[in-house]
């Protein structure tokens, strides 16, 4: 870690955001999260539509928003 200060950083500080988002751990977490988003979207576009017909009014509103 050098002492080079980027925009908004003071000399000697560590940019943890840039360090984390550039890491293998972040890549793994991001890919897993996107997989969950895709899985949820597939459910909502498929079986979720059928299941939503069984919801009461407040549940149907929550599902639709």
PDB file of N, CA and C in Angstrom:
ATOM      1  N   UNK A   1       0.827  -1.161   0.000  1.00  0.00           N
ATOM      2  CA  UNK A   1       0.000   0.000   0.000  1.00  0.00           C
ATOM      3  C   UNK A   1       0.881   1.237   0.000  1.00  0.00           C
ATOM      4  N   UNK A   2       0.759   1.994  -1.015  1.00  0.00           N
ATOM      5  CA  UNK A   2       1.544   3.207  -1.090  1.00  0.00           C
ATOM      6  C   UNK A   2       0.861   4.353  -0.375  1.00  0.00           C
ATOM      7  N   UNK A   3       1.492   5.473  -0.421  1.00  0.00           N
ATOM      8  CA  UNK A   3       0.920   6.666   0.171  1.00  0.00           C
ATOM      9  C   UNK A   3       0.244   7.537  -0.873  1.00  0.00           C
ATOM     10  N   UNK A   4       0.068   7.019  -2.066  1.00  0.00           N
ATOM     11  CA  UNK A   4      -0.580   7.793  -3.114  1.00  0.00           C
ATOM     12  C   UNK A   4      -2.026   8.034  -2.722  1.00  0.00           C
ATOM     13  N   UNK A   5      -2.442   9.266  -2.787  1.00  0.00           N
ATOM     14  CA  UNK A   5      -3.803   9.620  -2.403  1.00  0.00           C
ATOM     15  C   UNK A   5      -4.628   9.862  -3.655  1.00  0.00           C
ATOM     16  N   UNK A   6      -5.715   9.119  -3.792  1.00  0.00           N
ATOM     17  CA  UNK A   6      -6.622   9.319  -4.905  1.00  0.00           C
ATOM     18  C   UNK A   6      -7.616  10.414  -4.567  1.00  0.00           C
ATOM     19  N   UNK A   7      -8.568  10.669  -5.465  1.00  0.00           N
ATOM     20  CA  UNK A   7      -9.576  11.696  -5.218  1.00  0.00           C
ATOM     21  C   UNK A   7     -10.325  11.408  -3.912  1.00  0.00           C
ATOM     22  N   UNK A   8     -10.399  12.382  -3.046  1.00  0.00           N
ATOM     23  CA  UNK A   8     -11.138  12.231  -1.798  1.00  0.00           C
ATOM     24  C   UNK A   8     -10.388  11.480  -0.715  1.00  0.00           C
ATOM     25  N   UNK A   9      -9.164  11.073  -0.978  1.00  0.00           N
ATOM     26  CA  UNK A   9      -8.386  10.332   0.014  1.00  0.00           C
ATOM     27  C   UNK A   9      -7.238  11.190   0.510  1.00  0.00           C
ATOM     28  N   UNK A  10      -6.947  11.033   1.767  1.00  0.00           N
ATOM     29  CA  UNK A  10      -5.802  11.730   2.336  1.00  0.00           C
ATOM     30  C   UNK A  10      -4.585  10.834   2.235  1.00  0.00           C
ATOM     31  N   UNK A  11      -3.431  11.444   2.229  1.00  0.00           N
ATOM     32  CA  UNK A  11      -2.182  10.693   2.173  1.00  0.00           C
ATOM     33  C   UNK A  11      -2.127   9.715   3.350  1.00  0.00           C
ATOM     34  N   UNK A  12      -1.829   8.461   3.069  1.00  0.00           N
ATOM     35  CA  UNK A  12      -1.709   7.446   4.106  1.00  0.00           C
ATOM     36  C   UNK A  12      -2.990   6.675   4.382  1.00  0.00           C
ATOM     37  N   UNK A  13      -4.109   7.055   3.748  1.00  0.00           N
ATOM     38  CA  UNK A  13      -5.349   6.305   3.965  1.00  0.00           C
ATOM     39  C   UNK A  13      -5.418   5.131   2.996  1.00  0.00           C
ATOM     40  N   UNK A  14      -6.235   4.161   3.348  1.00  0.00           N
ATOM     41  CA  UNK A  14      -6.413   2.975   2.515  1.00  0.00           C
ATOM     42  C   UNK A  14      -7.821   3.011   1.937  1.00  0.00           C
ATOM     43  N   UNK A  15      -7.938   2.867   0.642  1.00  0.00           N
ATOM     44  CA  UNK A  15      -9.236   2.852  -0.037  1.00  0.00           C
ATOM     45  C   UNK A  15      -9.783   1.426   0.018  1.00  0.00           C
ATOM     46  N   UNK A  16     -10.476   1.108   1.124  1.00  0.00           N
ATOM     47  CA  UNK A  16     -10.983  -0.244   1.316  1.00  0.00           C
ATOM     48  C   UNK A  16     -12.031  -0.621   0.267  1.00  0.00           C
ATOM     49  N   UNK A  17     -12.828   0.352  -0.184  1.00  0.00           N
ATOM     50  CA  UNK A  17     -13.841   0.064  -1.198  1.00  0.00           C
ATOM     51  C   UNK A  17     -13.195  -0.446  -2.480  1.00  0.00           C
ATOM     52  N   UNK A  18     -12.208   0.275  -2.966  1.00  0.00           N
ATOM     53  CA  UNK A  18     -11.533  -0.143  -4.199  1.00  0.00           C
ATOM     54  C   UNK A  18     -10.812  -1.470  -3.993  1.00  0.00           C
ATOM     55  N   UNK A  19     -10.220  -1.627  -2.829  1.00  0.00           N
ATOM     56  CA  UNK A  19      -9.500  -2.872  -2.543  1.00  0.00           C
ATOM     57  C   UNK A  19     -10.469  -4.055  -2.516  1.00  0.00           C
ATOM     58  N   UNK A  20     -11.626  -3.885  -1.850  1.00  0.00           N
ATOM     59  CA  UNK A  20     -12.593  -4.980  -1.751  1.00  0.00           C
ATOM     60  C   UNK A  20     -13.245  -5.278  -3.094  1.00  0.00           C
ATOM     61  N   UNK A  21     -13.687  -4.234  -3.810  1.00  0.00           N
ATOM     62  CA  UNK A  21     -14.382  -4.477  -5.076  1.00  0.00           C
ATOM     63  C   UNK A  21     -13.469  -5.057  -6.140  1.00  0.00           C
ATOM     64  N   UNK A  22     -12.182  -4.941  -5.961  1.00  0.00           N
ATOM     65  CA  UNK A  22     -11.231  -5.540  -6.891  1.00  0.00           C
ATOM     66  C   UNK A  22     -10.759  -6.915  -6.459  1.00  0.00           C
ATOM     67  N   UNK A  23     -11.337  -7.440  -5.380  1.00  0.00           N
ATOM     68  CA  UNK A  23     -10.857  -8.707  -4.830  1.00  0.00           C
ATOM     69  C   UNK A  23     -11.614  -9.912  -5.387  1.00  0.00           C
ATOM     70  N   UNK A  24     -10.998 -11.063  -5.247  1.00  0.00           N
ATOM     71  CA  UNK A  24     -11.622 -12.327  -5.645  1.00  0.00           C
ATOM     72  C   UNK A  24     -12.852 -12.606  -4.776  1.00  0.00           C
ATOM     73  N   UNK A  25     -12.784 -12.229  -3.501  1.00  0.00           N
ATOM     74  CA  UNK A  25     -13.908 -12.437  -2.584  1.00  0.00           C
ATOM     75  C   UNK A  25     -15.129 -11.652  -3.056  1.00  0.00           C
ATOM     76  N   UNK A  26     -14.925 -10.393  -3.449  1.00  0.00           N
ATOM     77  CA  UNK A  26     -16.035  -9.586  -3.939  1.00  0.00           C
ATOM     78  C   UNK A  26     -16.626 -10.202  -5.197  1.00  0.00           C
ATOM     79  N   UNK A  27     -15.769 -10.642  -6.104  1.00  0.00           N
ATOM     80  CA  UNK A  27     -16.235 -11.256  -7.344  1.00  0.00           C
ATOM     81  C   UNK A  27     -17.130 -12.449  -7.042  1.00  0.00           C
ATOM     82  N   UNK A  28     -16.730 -13.268  -6.092  1.00  0.00           N
ATOM     83  CA  UNK A  28     -17.519 -14.442  -5.710  1.00  0.00           C
ATOM     84  C   UNK A  28     -18.870 -14.025  -5.117  1.00  0.00           C
ATOM     85  N   UNK A  29     -18.854 -13.057  -4.199  1.00  0.00           N
ATOM     86  CA  UNK A  29     -20.090 -12.586  -3.569  1.00  0.00           C
ATOM     87  C   UNK A  29     -21.007 -11.945  -4.609  1.00  0.00           C
ATOM     88  N   UNK A  30     -20.438 -11.142  -5.513  1.00  0.00           N
ATOM     89  CA  UNK A  30     -21.227 -10.478  -6.542  1.00  0.00           C
ATOM     90  C   UNK A  30     -21.897 -11.497  -7.458  1.00  0.00           C
ATOM     91  N   UNK A  31     -21.129 -12.489  -7.913  1.00  0.00           N
ATOM     92  CA  UNK A  31     -21.693 -13.510  -8.804  1.00  0.00           C
ATOM     93  C   UNK A  31     -22.791 -14.306  -8.109  1.00  0.00           C
ATOM     94  N   UNK A  32     -22.578 -14.627  -6.832  1.00  0.00           N
ATOM     95  CA  UNK A  32     -23.603 -15.361  -6.084  1.00  0.00           C
ATOM     96  C   UNK A  32     -24.865 -14.506  -5.940  1.00  0.00           C
ATOM     97  N   UNK A  33     -24.689 -13.234  -5.644  1.00  0.00           N
ATOM     98  CA  UNK A  33     -25.828 -12.326  -5.515  1.00  0.00           C
ATOM     99  C   UNK A  33     -26.598 -12.183  -6.815  1.00  0.00           C
ATOM    100  N   UNK A  34     -25.883 -12.060  -7.924  1.00  0.00           N
ATOM    101  CA  UNK A  34     -26.553 -11.947  -9.217  1.00  0.00           C
ATOM    102  C   UNK A  34     -27.282 -13.236  -9.574  1.00  0.00           C
ATOM    103  N   UNK A  35     -26.722 -14.371  -9.176  1.00  0.00           N
ATOM    104  CA  UNK A  35     -27.404 -15.646  -9.386  1.00  0.00           C
ATOM    105  C   UNK A  35     -28.724 -15.696  -8.634  1.00  0.00           C
ATOM    106  N   UNK A  36     -28.726 -15.173  -7.404  1.00  0.00           N
ATOM    107  CA  UNK A  36     -29.963 -15.129  -6.619  1.00  0.00           C
ATOM    108  C   UNK A  36     -30.982 -14.186  -7.246  1.00  0.00           C
ATOM    109  N   UNK A  37     -30.513 -13.069  -7.798  1.00  0.00           N
ATOM    110  CA  UNK A  37     -31.410 -12.132  -8.482  1.00  0.00           C
ATOM    111  C   UNK A  37     -32.050 -12.818  -9.688  1.00  0.00           C
ATOM    112  N   UNK A  38     -31.251 -13.522 -10.477  1.00  0.00           N
ATOM    113  CA  UNK A  38     -31.782 -14.224 -11.652  1.00  0.00           C
ATOM    114  C   UNK A  38     -32.759 -15.326 -11.249  1.00  0.00           C
ATOM    115  N   UNK A  39     -32.425 -16.070 -10.201  1.00  0.00           N
ATOM    116  CA  UNK A  39     -33.311 -17.135  -9.724  1.00  0.00           C
ATOM    117  C   UNK A  39     -34.648 -16.552  -9.263  1.00  0.00           C
ATOM    118  N   UNK A  40     -34.600 -15.438  -8.560  1.00  0.00           N
ATOM    119  CA  UNK A  40     -35.822 -14.783  -8.095  1.00  0.00           C
ATOM    120  C   UNK A  40     -36.642 -14.271  -9.269  1.00  0.00           C
ATOM    121  N   UNK A  41     -35.991 -13.655 -10.245  1.00  0.00           N
ATOM    122  CA  UNK A  41     -36.699 -13.146 -11.425  1.00  0.00           C
ATOM    123  C   UNK A  41     -37.378 -14.282 -12.183  1.00  0.00           C
ATOM    124  N   UNK A  42     -36.695 -15.408 -12.314  1.00  0.00           N
ATOM    125  CA  UNK A  42     -37.292 -16.560 -13.000  1.00  0.00           C
ATOM    126  C   UNK A  42     -38.517 -17.074 -12.251  1.00  0.00           C
ATOM    127  N   UNK A  43     -38.442 -17.085 -10.922  1.00  0.00           N
ATOM    128  CA  UNK A  43     -39.601 -17.518 -10.132  1.00  0.00           C
ATOM    129  C   UNK A  43     -40.758 -16.541 -10.314  1.00  0.00           C
ATOM    130  N   UNK A  44     -40.471 -15.253 -10.194  1.00  0.00           N
ATOM    131  CA  UNK A  44     -41.534 -14.251 -10.283  1.00  0.00           C
ATOM    132  C   UNK A  44     -42.173 -14.227 -11.662  1.00  0.00           C
ATOM    133  N   UNK A  45     -41.402 -14.507 -12.705  1.00  0.00           N
ATOM    134  CA  UNK A  45     -41.944 -14.529 -14.063  1.00  0.00           C
ATOM    135  C   UNK A  45     -42.628 -15.847 -14.401  1.00  0.00           C
ATOM    136  N   UNK A  46     -42.383 -16.889 -13.629  1.00  0.00           N
ATOM    137  CA  UNK A  46     -42.949 -18.206 -13.912  1.00  0.00           C
ATOM    138  C   UNK A  46     -43.926 -18.636 -12.835  1.00  0.00           C
ATOM    139  N   UNK A  47     -43.508 -19.577 -11.983  1.00  0.00           N
ATOM    140  CA  UNK A  47     -44.403 -20.111 -10.949  1.00  0.00           C
ATOM    141  C   UNK A  47     -44.933 -19.037 -10.001  1.00  0.00           C
ATOM    142  N   UNK A  48     -44.193 -17.973  -9.822  1.00  0.00           N
ATOM    143  CA  UNK A  48     -44.645 -16.904  -8.933  1.00  0.00           C
ATOM    144  C   UNK A  48     -45.931 -16.254  -9.403  1.00  0.00           C
ATOM    145  N   UNK A  49     -46.110 -16.180 -10.699  1.00  0.00           N
ATOM    146  CA  UNK A  49     -47.354 -15.598 -11.226  1.00  0.00           C
ATOM    147  C   UNK A  49     -48.557 -16.449 -10.821  1.00  0.00           C
ATOM    148  N   UNK A  50     -48.413 -17.751 -10.917  1.00  0.00           N
ATOM    149  CA  UNK A  50     -49.491 -18.655 -10.512  1.00  0.00           C
ATOM    150  C   UNK A  50     -49.703 -18.578  -9.004  1.00  0.00           C
ATOM    151  N   UNK A  51     -48.610 -18.623  -8.258  1.00  0.00           N
ATOM    152  CA  UNK A  51     -48.703 -18.563  -6.798  1.00  0.00           C
ATOM    153  C   UNK A  51     -49.310 -17.245  -6.328  1.00  0.00           C
ATOM    154  N   UNK A  52     -49.063 -16.172  -7.061  1.00  0.00           N
ATOM    155  CA  UNK A  52     -49.570 -14.862  -6.639  1.00  0.00           C
ATOM    156  C   UNK A  52     -51.091 -14.795  -6.668  1.00  0.00           C
ATOM    157  N   UNK A  53     -51.704 -15.623  -7.469  1.00  0.00           N
ATOM    158  CA  UNK A  53     -53.164 -15.634  -7.544  1.00  0.00           C
ATOM    159  C   UNK A  53     -53.792 -16.157  -6.253  1.00  0.00           C
ATOM    160  N   UNK A  54     -53.003 -16.826  -5.421  1.00  0.00           N
ATOM    161  CA  UNK A  54     -53.492 -17.360  -4.152  1.00  0.00           C
ATOM    162  C   UNK A  54     -53.322 -16.368  -2.996  1.00  0.00           C
ATOM    163  N   UNK A  55     -52.695 -15.231  -3.257  1.00  0.00           N
ATOM    164  CA  UNK A  55     -52.426 -14.246  -2.206  1.00  0.00           C
ATOM    165  C   UNK A  55     -53.663 -13.420  -1.882  1.00  0.00           C
ATOM    166  N   UNK A  56     -53.739 -12.968  -0.625  1.00  0.00           N
ATOM    167  CA  UNK A  56     -54.796 -12.021  -0.277  1.00  0.00           C
ATOM    168  C   UNK A  56     -54.445 -10.658  -0.883  1.00  0.00           C
ATOM    169  N   UNK A  57     -55.328  -9.687  -0.695  1.00  0.00           N
ATOM    170  CA  UNK A  57     -55.153  -8.381  -1.341  1.00  0.00           C
ATOM    171  C   UNK A  57     -53.813  -7.730  -0.993  1.00  0.00           C
ATOM    172  N   UNK A  58     -53.468  -7.684   0.289  1.00  0.00           N
ATOM    173  CA  UNK A  58     -52.223  -7.012   0.677  1.00  0.00           C
ATOM    174  C   UNK A  58     -51.006  -7.777   0.157  1.00  0.00           C
ATOM    175  N   UNK A  59     -51.077  -9.092   0.131  1.00  0.00           N
ATOM    176  CA  UNK A  59     -49.987  -9.891  -0.424  1.00  0.00           C
ATOM    177  C   UNK A  59     -49.834  -9.658  -1.914  1.00  0.00           C
ATOM    178  N   UNK A  60     -50.960  -9.546  -2.619  1.00  0.00           N
ATOM    179  CA  UNK A  60     -50.925  -9.309  -4.063  1.00  0.00           C
ATOM    180  C   UNK A  60     -50.324  -7.937  -4.375  1.00  0.00           C
ATOM    181  N   UNK A  61     -50.644  -6.950  -3.547  1.00  0.00           N
ATOM    182  CA  UNK A  61     -50.073  -5.613  -3.749  1.00  0.00           C
ATOM    183  C   UNK A  61     -48.568  -5.649  -3.516  1.00  0.00           C
ATOM    184  N   UNK A  62     -48.145  -6.337  -2.462  1.00  0.00           N
ATOM    185  CA  UNK A  62     -46.710  -6.453  -2.179  1.00  0.00           C
ATOM    186  C   UNK A  62     -45.998  -7.186  -3.311  1.00  0.00           C
ATOM    187  N   UNK A  63     -46.620  -8.213  -3.857  1.00  0.00           N
ATOM    188  CA  UNK A  63     -46.024  -8.982  -4.950  1.00  0.00           C
ATOM    189  C   UNK A  63     -45.870  -8.115  -6.195  1.00  0.00           C
ATOM    190  N   UNK A  64     -46.850  -7.267  -6.445  1.00  0.00           N
ATOM    191  CA  UNK A  64     -46.869  -6.468  -7.668  1.00  0.00           C
ATOM    192  C   UNK A  64     -45.916  -5.278  -7.621  1.00  0.00           C
ATOM    193  N   UNK A  65     -45.445  -4.920  -6.439  1.00  0.00           N
ATOM    194  CA  UNK A  65     -44.578  -3.731  -6.361  1.00  0.00           C
ATOM    195  C   UNK A  65     -43.129  -4.087  -6.218  1.00  0.00           C
TER     196      UNK A  65
END
